[in-house]
Amino acid sequence: VAYLENAFGIGYEQPLNSLWTAQFSLPANDPKVEECKPLYYVEIF
């Protein structure tokens, strides 16, 4: 549904035997903020 070329502050944690987490930020005026809906998926490289 969207490619987030303006994402920043990207990070992730991969603790052993625990839930992996990731985070990122988008500028408030980025039109793709609306595509980041709860339970959607984000692919991180």
All heavy atoms as atom14 arrays in JSON, in Angstrom:
{
  "sequence": "VAYLENAFGIGYEQPLNSLWTAQFSLPANDPKVEECKPLYYVEIF",
  "atom14_mask": [
    [1, 1, 1, 1, 1, 1, 1, 0, 0, 0, 0, 0, 0, 0],
    [1, 1, 1, 1, 1, 0, 0, 0, 0, 0, 0, 0, 0, 0],
    [1, 1, 1, 1, 1, 1, 1, 1, 1, 1, 1, 1, 0, 0],
    [1, 1, 1, 1, 1, 1, 1, 1, 0, 0, 0, 0, 0, 0],
    [1, 1, 1, 1, 1, 1, 1, 1, 1, 0, 0, 0, 0, 0],
    [1, 1, 1, 1, 1, 1, 1, 1, 0, 0, 0, 0, 0, 0],
    [1, 1, 1, 1, 1, 0, 0, 0, 0, 0, 0, 0, 0, 0],
    [1, 1, 1, 1, 1, 1, 1, 1, 1, 1, 1, 0, 0, 0],
    [1, 1, 1, 1, 0, 0, 0, 0, 0, 0, 0, 0, 0, 0],
    [1, 1, 1, 1, 1, 1, 1, 1, 0, 0, 0, 0, 0, 0],
    [1, 1, 1, 1, 0, 0, 0, 0, 0, 0, 0, 0, 0, 0],
    [1, 1, 1, 1, 1, 1, 1, 1, 1, 1, 1, 1, 0, 0],
    [1, 1, 1, 1, 1, 1, 1, 1, 1, 0, 0, 0, 0, 0],
    [1, 1, 1, 1, 1, 1, 1, 1, 1, 0, 0, 0, 0, 0],
    [1, 1, 1, 1, 1, 1, 1, 0, 0, 0, 0, 0, 0, 0],
    [1, 1, 1, 1, 1, 1, 1, 1, 0, 0, 0, 0, 0, 0],
    [1, 1, 1, 1, 1, 1, 1, 1, 0, 0, 0, 0, 0, 0],
    [1, 1, 1, 1, 1, 1, 0, 0, 0, 0, 0, 0, 0, 0],
    [1, 1, 1, 1, 1, 1, 1, 1, 0, 0, 0, 0, 0, 0],
    [1, 1, 1, 1, 1, 1, 1, 1, 1, 1, 1, 1, 1, 1],
    [1, 1, 1, 1, 1, 1, 1, 0, 0, 0, 0, 0, 0, 0],
    [1, 1, 1, 1, 1, 0, 0, 0, 0, 0, 0, 0, 0, 0],
    [1, 1, 1, 1, 1, 1, 1, 1, 1, 0, 0, 0, 0, 0],
    [1, 1, 1, 1, 1, 1, 1, 1, 1, 1, 1, 0, 0, 0],
    [1, 1, 1, 1, 1, 1, 0, 0, 0, 0, 0, 0, 0, 0],
    [1, 1, 1, 1, 1, 1, 1, 1, 0, 0, 0, 0, 0, 0],
    [1, 1, 1, 1, 1, 1, 1, 0, 0, 0, 0, 0, 0, 0],
    [1, 1, 1, 1, 1, 0, 0, 0, 0, 0, 0, 0, 0, 0],
    [1, 1, 1, 1, 1, 1, 1, 1, 0, 0, 0, 0, 0, 0],
    [1, 1, 1, 1, 1, 1, 1, 1, 0, 0, 0, 0, 0, 0],
    [1, 1, 1, 1, 1, 1, 1, 0, 0, 0, 0, 0, 0, 0],
    [1, 1, 1, 1, 1, 1, 1, 1, 1, 0, 0, 0, 0, 0],
    [1, 1, 1, 1, 1, 1, 1, 0, 0, 0, 0, 0, 0, 0],
    [1, 1, 1, 1, 1, 1, 1, 1, 1, 0, 0, 0, 0, 0],
    [1, 1, 1, 1, 1, 1, 1, 1, 1, 0, 0, 0, 0, 0],
    [1, 1, 1, 1, 1, 1, 0, 0, 0, 0, 0, 0, 0, 0],
    [1, 1, 1, 1, 1, 1, 1, 1, 1, 0, 0, 0, 0, 0],
    [1, 1, 1, 1, 1, 1, 1, 0, 0, 0, 0, 0, 0, 0],
    [1, 1, 1, 1, 1, 1, 1, 1, 0, 0, 0, 0, 0, 0],
    [1, 1, 1, 1, 1, 1, 1, 1, 1, 1, 1, 1, 0, 0],
    [1, 1, 1, 1, 1, 1, 1, 1, 1, 1, 1, 1, 0, 0],
    [1, 1, 1, 1, 1, 1, 1, 0, 0, 0, 0, 0, 0, 0],
    [1, 1, 1, 1, 1, 1, 1, 1, 1, 0, 0, 0, 0, 0],
    [1, 1, 1, 1, 1, 1, 1, 1, 0, 0, 0, 0, 0, 0],
    [1, 1, 1, 1, 1, 1, 1, 1, 1, 1, 1, 0, 0, 0]
  ],
  "atom14_positions": [
    [[0.81, -1.22, 0.0], [0.0, 0.0, 0.0], [0.84, 1.27, 0.0], [0.34, 2.32, -0.4], [-1.0, 0.03, 1.18], [-2.03, -1.06, 1.04], [-0.3, -0.05, 2.51], [0.0, 0.0, 0.0], [0.0, 0.0, 0.0], [0.0, 0.0, 0.0], [0.0, 0.0, 0.0], [0.0, 0.0, 0.0], [0.0, 0.0, 0.0], [0.0, 0.0, 0.0]],
    [[2.1, 1.22, 0.44], [2.92, 2.43, 0.44], [4.39, 2.09, 0.58], [4.76, 1.1, 1.2], [2.5, 3.34, 1.59], [0.0, 0.0, 0.0], [0.0, 0.0, 0.0], [0.0, 0.0, 0.0], [0.0, 0.0, 0.0], [0.0, 0.0, 0.0], [0.0, 0.0, 0.0], [0.0, 0.0, 0.0], [0.0, 0.0, 0.0], [0.0, 0.0, 0.0]],
    [[5.21, 2.96, 0.0], [6.65, 2.91, 0.17], [7.03, 4.13, 1.0], [6.67, 5.26, 0.64], [7.35, 2.94, -1.19], [8.85, 2.99, -1.07], [9.56, 1.86, -0.7], [9.55, 4.16, -1.33], [10.94, 1.9, -0.58], [10.92, 4.2, -1.21], [11.61, 3.07, -0.83], [12.97, 3.11, -0.7], [0.0, 0.0, 0.0], [0.0, 0.0, 0.0]],
    [[7.7, 3.92, 2.12], [7.99, 5.01, 3.06], [9.39, 5.56, 2.85], [10.31, 5.32, 3.63], [7.82, 4.51, 4.5], [6.47, 3.89, 4.84], [6.46, 3.38, 6.26], [5.36, 4.89, 4.62], [0.0, 0.0, 0.0], [0.0, 0.0, 0.0], [0.0, 0.0, 0.0], [0.0, 0.0, 0.0], [0.0, 0.0, 0.0], [0.0, 0.0, 0.0]],
    [[9.55, 6.35, 1.81], [10.88, 6.89, 1.52], [11.31, 7.99, 2.48], [12.49, 8.32, 2.56], [10.96, 7.39, 0.08], [10.02, 8.51, -0.27], [8.66, 8.02, -0.73], [8.5, 6.83, -1.05], [7.74, 8.83, -0.76], [0.0, 0.0, 0.0], [0.0, 0.0, 0.0], [0.0, 0.0, 0.0], [0.0, 0.0, 0.0], [0.0, 0.0, 0.0]],
    [[10.39, 8.57, 3.26], [10.73, 9.64, 4.2], [10.87, 9.17, 5.64], [10.99, 9.99, 6.55], [9.68, 10.76, 4.13], [9.67, 11.42, 2.78], [10.71, 11.61, 2.16], [8.49, 11.76, 2.29], [0.0, 0.0, 0.0], [0.0, 0.0, 0.0], [0.0, 0.0, 0.0], [0.0, 0.0, 0.0], [0.0, 0.0, 0.0], [0.0, 0.0, 0.0]],
    [[10.86, 7.86, 5.87], [10.98, 7.33, 7.23], [12.36, 7.67, 7.8], [13.35, 7.69, 7.09], [10.76, 5.83, 7.23], [0.0, 0.0, 0.0], [0.0, 0.0, 0.0], [0.0, 0.0, 0.0], [0.0, 0.0, 0.0], [0.0, 0.0, 0.0], [0.0, 0.0, 0.0], [0.0, 0.0, 0.0], [0.0, 0.0, 0.0], [0.0, 0.0, 0.0]],
    [[12.4, 7.95, 9.11], [13.66, 8.23, 9.78], [13.59, 7.67, 11.2], [12.53, 7.23, 11.65], [13.97, 9.74, 9.79], [12.97, 10.56, 10.57], [13.2, 10.89, 11.89], [11.8, 11.0, 9.97], [12.28, 11.64, 12.6], [10.86, 11.76, 10.67], [11.11, 12.08, 12.0], [0.0, 0.0, 0.0], [0.0, 0.0, 0.0], [0.0, 0.0, 0.0]],
    [[14.7, 7.67, 11.91], [14.72, 7.13, 13.28], [14.37, 5.66, 13.31], [13.74, 5.18, 14.23], [0.0, 0.0, 0.0], [0.0, 0.0, 0.0], [0.0, 0.0, 0.0], [0.0, 0.0, 0.0], [0.0, 0.0, 0.0], [0.0, 0.0, 0.0], [0.0, 0.0, 0.0], [0.0, 0.0, 0.0], [0.0, 0.0, 0.0], [0.0, 0.0, 0.0]],
    [[14.8, 4.95, 12.29], [14.45, 3.53, 12.14], [15.35, 2.69, 13.03], [16.56, 2.89, 13.06], [14.59, 3.08, 10.68], [13.72, 3.95, 9.78], [14.26, 1.61, 10.52], [14.1, 3.87, 8.32], [0.0, 0.0, 0.0], [0.0, 0.0, 0.0], [0.0, 0.0, 0.0], [0.0, 0.0, 0.0], [0.0, 0.0, 0.0], [0.0, 0.0, 0.0]],
    [[14.75, 1.77, 13.76], [15.53, 0.87, 14.61], [14.77, -0.4, 14.87], [13.56, -0.49, 14.63], [0.0, 0.0, 0.0], [0.0, 0.0, 0.0], [0.0, 0.0, 0.0], [0.0, 0.0, 0.0], [0.0, 0.0, 0.0], [0.0, 0.0, 0.0], [0.0, 0.0, 0.0], [0.0, 0.0, 0.0], [0.0, 0.0, 0.0], [0.0, 0.0, 0.0]],
    [[15.48, -1.4, 15.36], [14.83, -2.65, 15.72], [15.64, -3.36, 16.8], [16.83, -3.08, 16.98], [14.64, -3.56, 14.5], [15.93, -4.0, 13.84], [16.56, -5.18, 14.2], [16.5, -3.23, 12.83], [17.73, -5.57, 13.58], [17.67, -3.62, 12.22], [18.28, -4.79, 12.59], [19.44, -5.18, 11.98], [0.0, 0.0, 0.0], [0.0, 0.0, 0.0]],
    [[14.97, -4.23, 17.54], [15.61, -5.05, 18.57], [15.21, -6.49, 18.33], [14.05, -6.78, 18.05], [15.17, -4.62, 19.96], [15.61, -3.22, 20.33], [15.18, -2.84, 21.73], [14.93, -3.74, 22.56], [15.08, -1.63, 21.98], [0.0, 0.0, 0.0], [0.0, 0.0, 0.0], [0.0, 0.0, 0.0], [0.0, 0.0, 0.0], [0.0, 0.0, 0.0]],
    [[16.18, -7.38, 18.45], [15.94, -8.81, 18.25], [16.42, -9.6, 19.47], [17.37, -10.36, 19.39], [16.68, -9.3, 17.0], [16.21, -8.64, 15.73], [17.06, -9.03, 14.54], [18.27, -8.95, 14.59], [16.41, -9.46, 13.48], [0.0, 0.0, 0.0], [0.0, 0.0, 0.0], [0.0, 0.0, 0.0], [0.0, 0.0, 0.0], [0.0, 0.0, 0.0]],
    [[15.76, -9.42, 20.63], [16.2, -10.13, 21.82], [15.98, -11.65, 21.68], [15.0, -12.08, 21.07], [15.34, -9.55, 22.93], [14.17, -8.96, 22.25], [14.61, -8.58, 20.86], [0.0, 0.0, 0.0], [0.0, 0.0, 0.0], [0.0, 0.0, 0.0], [0.0, 0.0, 0.0], [0.0, 0.0, 0.0], [0.0, 0.0, 0.0], [0.0, 0.0, 0.0]],
    [[16.88, -12.4, 22.24], [16.79, -13.86, 22.21], [15.58, -14.32, 23.02], [15.34, -13.83, 24.12], [18.08, -14.46, 22.78], [18.23, -15.96, 22.67], [18.24, -16.41, 21.21], [19.52, -16.4, 23.36], [0.0, 0.0, 0.0], [0.0, 0.0, 0.0], [0.0, 0.0, 0.0], [0.0, 0.0, 0.0], [0.0, 0.0, 0.0], [0.0, 0.0, 0.0]],
    [[14.8, -15.22, 22.45], [13.63, -15.8, 23.12], [12.62, -14.75, 23.57], [12.01, -14.88, 24.63], [14.05, -16.65, 24.31], [14.85, -17.85, 23.91], [14.64, -18.41, 22.83], [15.8, -18.24, 24.73], [0.0, 0.0, 0.0], [0.0, 0.0, 0.0], [0.0, 0.0, 0.0], [0.0, 0.0, 0.0], [0.0, 0.0, 0.0], [0.0, 0.0, 0.0]],
    [[12.45, -13.72, 22.77], [11.5, -12.67, 23.11], [10.94, -12.07, 21.82], [11.42, -12.35, 20.73], [12.19, -11.59, 23.94], [11.26, -10.67, 24.42], [0.0, 0.0, 0.0], [0.0, 0.0, 0.0], [0.0, 0.0, 0.0], [0.0, 0.0, 0.0], [0.0, 0.0, 0.0], [0.0, 0.0, 0.0], [0.0, 0.0, 0.0], [0.0, 0.0, 0.0]],
    [[9.95, -11.25, 21.95], [9.31, -10.59, 20.82], [10.23, -9.55, 20.21], [10.78, -8.7, 20.91], [8.01, -9.93, 21.29], [7.14, -9.28, 20.24], [6.6, -10.34, 19.29], [5.99, -8.56, 20.92], [0.0, 0.0, 0.0], [0.0, 0.0, 0.0], [0.0, 0.0, 0.0], [0.0, 0.0, 0.0], [0.0, 0.0, 0.0], [0.0, 0.0, 0.0]],
    [[10.43, -9.61, 18.89], [11.22, -8.6, 18.19], [10.38, -7.34, 18.05], [9.16, -7.41, 17.84], [11.62, -9.09, 16.82], [12.61, -10.19, 16.79], [13.1, -10.9, 17.85], [13.25, -10.73, 15.64], [14.0, -11.83, 17.43], [14.11, -11.75, 16.08], [13.18, -10.44, 14.3], [14.9, -12.48, 15.19], [13.96, -11.17, 13.43], [14.82, -12.17, 13.87]],
    [[11.0, -6.2, 18.15], [10.3, -4.94, 17.99], [11.06, -4.03, 17.02], [12.27, -4.19, 16.83], [10.15, -4.19, 19.33], [11.44, -3.93, 19.87], [9.31, -5.01, 20.31], [0.0, 0.0, 0.0], [0.0, 0.0, 0.0], [0.0, 0.0, 0.0], [0.0, 0.0, 0.0], [0.0, 0.0, 0.0], [0.0, 0.0, 0.0], [0.0, 0.0, 0.0]],
    [[10.34, -3.11, 16.42], [10.93, -2.13, 15.52], [10.21, -0.81, 15.71], [9.08, -0.77, 16.22], [10.82, -2.59, 14.08], [0.0, 0.0, 0.0], [0.0, 0.0, 0.0], [0.0, 0.0, 0.0], [0.0, 0.0, 0.0], [0.0, 0.0, 0.0], [0.0, 0.0, 0.0], [0.0, 0.0, 0.0], [0.0, 0.0, 0.0], [0.0, 0.0, 0.0]],
    [[10.87, 0.26, 15.31], [10.25, 1.58, 15.38], [10.75, 2.43, 14.23], [11.83, 2.19, 13.69], [10.52, 2.27, 16.72], [11.97, 2.6, 17.0], [12.77, 1.43, 17.52], [12.23, 0.48, 18.05], [14.08, 1.49, 17.35], [0.0, 0.0, 0.0], [0.0, 0.0, 0.0], [0.0, 0.0, 0.0], [0.0, 0.0, 0.0], [0.0, 0.0, 0.0]],
    [[9.94, 3.41, 13.85], [10.32, 4.39, 12.83], [9.45, 5.61, 13.02], [8.43, 5.58, 13.7], [10.18, 3.82, 11.41], [8.78, 3.49, 11.01], [7.99, 4.43, 10.35], [8.24, 2.26, 11.27], [6.69, 4.13, 9.97], [6.94, 1.94, 10.9], [6.17, 2.88, 10.24], [0.0, 0.0, 0.0], [0.0, 0.0, 0.0], [0.0, 0.0, 0.0]],
    [[9.87, 6.7, 12.41], [9.1, 7.95, 12.45], [8.9, 8.44, 11.03], [9.69, 8.13, 10.14], [9.85, 9.01, 13.25], [9.99, 8.62, 14.59], [0.0, 0.0, 0.0], [0.0, 0.0, 0.0], [0.0, 0.0, 0.0], [0.0, 0.0, 0.0], [0.0, 0.0, 0.0], [0.0, 0.0, 0.0], [0.0, 0.0, 0.0], [0.0, 0.0, 0.0]],
    [[7.84, 9.2, 10.85], [7.55, 9.87, 9.58], [7.26, 11.33, 9.86], [6.71, 11.67, 10.91], [6.31, 9.26, 8.91], [6.43, 7.9, 8.27], [5.06, 7.39, 7.83], [7.37, 7.95, 7.08], [0.0, 0.0, 0.0], [0.0, 0.0, 0.0], [0.0, 0.0, 0.0], [0.0, 0.0, 0.0], [0.0, 0.0, 0.0], [0.0, 0.0, 0.0]],
    [[7.59, 12.22, 8.94], [7.19, 13.62, 9.11], [5.66, 13.71, 9.19], [4.95, 12.97, 8.5], [7.7, 14.3, 7.83], [8.78, 13.41, 7.31], [8.37, 12.01, 7.71], [0.0, 0.0, 0.0], [0.0, 0.0, 0.0], [0.0, 0.0, 0.0], [0.0, 0.0, 0.0], [0.0, 0.0, 0.0], [0.0, 0.0, 0.0], [0.0, 0.0, 0.0]],
    [[5.16, 14.59, 10.04], [3.71, 14.72, 10.23], [2.99, 15.08, 8.95], [1.83, 14.7, 8.75], [3.42, 15.75, 11.32], [0.0, 0.0, 0.0], [0.0, 0.0, 0.0], [0.0, 0.0, 0.0], [0.0, 0.0, 0.0], [0.0, 0.0, 0.0], [0.0, 0.0, 0.0], [0.0, 0.0, 0.0], [0.0, 0.0, 0.0], [0.0, 0.0, 0.0]],
    [[3.66, 15.79, 8.06], [3.0, 16.21, 6.82], [3.19, 15.21, 5.68], [2.79, 15.48, 4.55], [3.5, 17.59, 6.4], [4.99, 17.62, 6.13], [5.71, 16.66, 6.39], [5.48, 18.75, 5.65], [0.0, 0.0, 0.0], [0.0, 0.0, 0.0], [0.0, 0.0, 0.0], [0.0, 0.0, 0.0], [0.0, 0.0, 0.0], [0.0, 0.0, 0.0]],
    [[3.76, 14.06, 5.95], [3.94, 13.03, 4.92], [2.57, 12.4, 4.63], [1.91, 11.9, 5.55], [4.92, 11.96, 5.41], [5.33, 10.99, 4.31], [4.46, 10.58, 3.51], [6.52, 10.63, 4.27], [0.0, 0.0, 0.0], [0.0, 0.0, 0.0], [0.0, 0.0, 0.0], [0.0, 0.0, 0.0], [0.0, 0.0, 0.0], [0.0, 0.0, 0.0]],
    [[2.12, 12.41, 3.39], [0.8, 11.85, 3.07], [0.7, 10.34, 3.34], [-0.4, 9.81, 3.49], [0.62, 12.15, 1.58], [1.98, 12.44, 1.06], [2.79, 12.95, 2.21], [0.0, 0.0, 0.0], [0.0, 0.0, 0.0], [0.0, 0.0, 0.0], [0.0, 0.0, 0.0], [0.0, 0.0, 0.0], [0.0, 0.0, 0.0], [0.0, 0.0, 0.0]],
    [[1.82, 9.66, 3.46], [1.8, 8.22, 3.68], [1.59, 7.85, 5.15], [1.43, 6.68, 5.47], [3.06, 7.59, 3.12], [3.09, 7.77, 1.6], [4.29, 7.19, 0.98], [4.25, 7.47, -0.52], [5.48, 7.1, -1.15], [0.0, 0.0, 0.0], [0.0, 0.0, 0.0], [0.0, 0.0, 0.0], [0.0, 0.0, 0.0], [0.0, 0.0, 0.0]],
    [[1.53, 8.84, 6.03], [1.2, 8.57, 7.44], [-0.14, 7.85, 7.52], [-0.32, 6.94, 8.32], [1.19, 9.88, 8.27], [0.56, 9.66, 9.63], [2.59, 10.44, 8.4], [0.0, 0.0, 0.0], [0.0, 0.0, 0.0], [0.0, 0.0, 0.0], [0.0, 0.0, 0.0], [0.0, 0.0, 0.0], [0.0, 0.0, 0.0], [0.0, 0.0, 0.0]],
    [[-1.06, 8.24, 6.66], [-2.41, 7.65, 6.67], [-2.41, 6.18, 6.28], [-3.36, 5.46, 6.57], [-3.32, 8.46, 5.74], [-3.35, 9.91, 6.13], [-4.72, 10.51, 6.05], [-5.66, 9.83, 5.61], [-4.82, 11.67, 6.44], [0.0, 0.0, 0.0], [0.0, 0.0, 0.0], [0.0, 0.0, 0.0], [0.0, 0.0, 0.0], [0.0, 0.0, 0.0]],
    [[-1.36, 5.71, 5.61], [-1.27, 4.3, 5.2], [-0.74, 3.41, 6.3], [-0.78, 2.19, 6.18], [-0.39, 4.17, 3.95], [-0.86, 4.97, 2.77], [-2.21, 4.53, 2.24], [-2.65, 3.4, 2.51], [-2.84, 5.32, 1.53], [0.0, 0.0, 0.0], [0.0, 0.0, 0.0], [0.0, 0.0, 0.0], [0.0, 0.0, 0.0], [0.0, 0.0, 0.0]],
    [[-0.23, 3.98, 7.37], [0.34, 3.21, 8.48], [-0.75, 2.94, 9.51], [-0.81, 3.54, 10.57], [1.51, 3.97, 9.1], [2.86, 4.22, 7.96], [0.0, 0.0, 0.0], [0.0, 0.0, 0.0], [0.0, 0.0, 0.0], [0.0, 0.0, 0.0], [0.0, 0.0, 0.0], [0.0, 0.0, 0.0], [0.0, 0.0, 0.0], [0.0, 0.0, 0.0]],
    [[-1.61, 2.02, 9.17], [-2.78, 1.71, 10.0], [-2.46, 0.59, 10.98], [-1.6, -0.25, 10.71], [-3.95, 1.31, 9.1], [-4.37, 2.43, 8.19], [-5.5, 2.02, 7.29], [-5.84, 3.21, 6.38], [-6.84, 2.86, 5.39], [0.0, 0.0, 0.0], [0.0, 0.0, 0.0], [0.0, 0.0, 0.0], [0.0, 0.0, 0.0], [0.0, 0.0, 0.0]],
    [[-3.16, 0.56, 12.11], [-2.93, -0.5, 13.09], [-3.07, -1.89, 12.47], [-3.97, -2.14, 11.66], [-4.03, -0.27, 14.14], [-4.33, 1.18, 14.03], [-4.17, 1.51, 12.57], [0.0, 0.0, 0.0], [0.0, 0.0, 0.0], [0.0, 0.0, 0.0], [0.0, 0.0, 0.0], [0.0, 0.0, 0.0], [0.0, 0.0, 0.0], [0.0, 0.0, 0.0]],
    [[-2.14, -2.74, 12.82], [-2.05, -4.15, 12.41], [-1.56, -4.35, 10.98], [-1.39, -5.49, 10.55], [-3.35, -4.9, 12.67], [-3.83, -4.89, 14.12], [-5.12, -5.68, 14.25], [-2.77, -5.41, 15.06], [0.0, 0.0, 0.0], [0.0, 0.0, 0.0], [0.0, 0.0, 0.0], [0.0, 0.0, 0.0], [0.0, 0.0, 0.0], [0.0, 0.0, 0.0]],
    [[-1.34, -3.27, 10.23], [-0.69, -3.42, 8.93], [0.75, -3.87, 9.17], [1.25, -3.83, 10.29], [-0.71, -2.1, 8.16], [-1.97, -1.85, 7.37], [-3.17, -2.48, 7.67], [-1.96, -0.96, 6.32], [-4.31, -2.24, 6.92], [-3.1, -0.7, 5.57], [-4.27, -1.35, 5.87], [-5.39, -1.1, 5.13], [0.0, 0.0, 0.0], [0.0, 0.0, 0.0]],
    [[1.43, -4.29, 8.13], [2.8, -4.79, 8.22], [3.78, -3.79, 7.62], [3.45, -3.11, 6.66], [2.93, -6.11, 7.45], [2.06, -7.22, 7.95], [0.8, -7.42, 7.42], [2.49, -8.08, 8.95], [-0.02, -8.45, 7.87], [1.7, -9.11, 9.41], [0.44, -9.29, 8.87], [-0.36, -10.3, 9.33], [0.0, 0.0, 0.0], [0.0, 0.0, 0.0]],
    [[4.97, -3.75, 8.19], [6.05, -2.94, 7.64], [7.26, -3.85, 7.46], [7.64, -4.59, 8.37], [6.42, -1.77, 8.59], [7.61, -1.01, 8.05], [5.25, -0.84, 8.77], [0.0, 0.0, 0.0], [0.0, 0.0, 0.0], [0.0, 0.0, 0.0], [0.0, 0.0, 0.0], [0.0, 0.0, 0.0], [0.0, 0.0, 0.0], [0.0, 0.0, 0.0]],
    [[7.84, -3.8, 6.28], [9.03, -4.59, 5.98], [10.25, -3.71, 6.18], [10.33, -2.61, 5.62], [8.96, -5.08, 4.53], [10.09, -5.98, 4.13], [9.88, -6.5, 2.71], [9.39, -5.73, 1.85], [10.21, -7.66, 2.48], [0.0, 0.0, 0.0], [0.0, 0.0, 0.0], [0.0, 0.0, 0.0], [0.0, 0.0, 0.0], [0.0, 0.0, 0.0]],
    [[11.21, -4.19, 6.98], [12.4, -3.4, 7.28], [13.64, -4.11, 6.76], [13.78, -5.33, 6.91], [12.52, -3.15, 8.79], [11.36, -2.26, 9.25], [13.86, -2.52, 9.14], [11.38, -1.92, 10.71], [0.0, 0.0, 0.0], [0.0, 0.0, 0.0], [0.0, 0.0, 0.0], [0.0, 0.0, 0.0], [0.0, 0.0, 0.0], [0.0, 0.0, 0.0]],
    [[14.5, -3.34, 6.13], [15.8, -3.82, 5.66], [16.9, -3.11, 6.44], [16.76, -1.95, 6.81], [15.98, -3.52, 4.17], [15.26, -4.47, 3.27], [13.91, -4.34, 3.03], [15.94, -5.51, 2.66], [13.23, -5.22, 2.2], [15.28, -6.39, 1.82], [13.93, -6.24, 1.6], [0.0, 0.0, 0.0], [0.0, 0.0, 0.0], [0.0, 0.0, 0.0]]
  ]
}
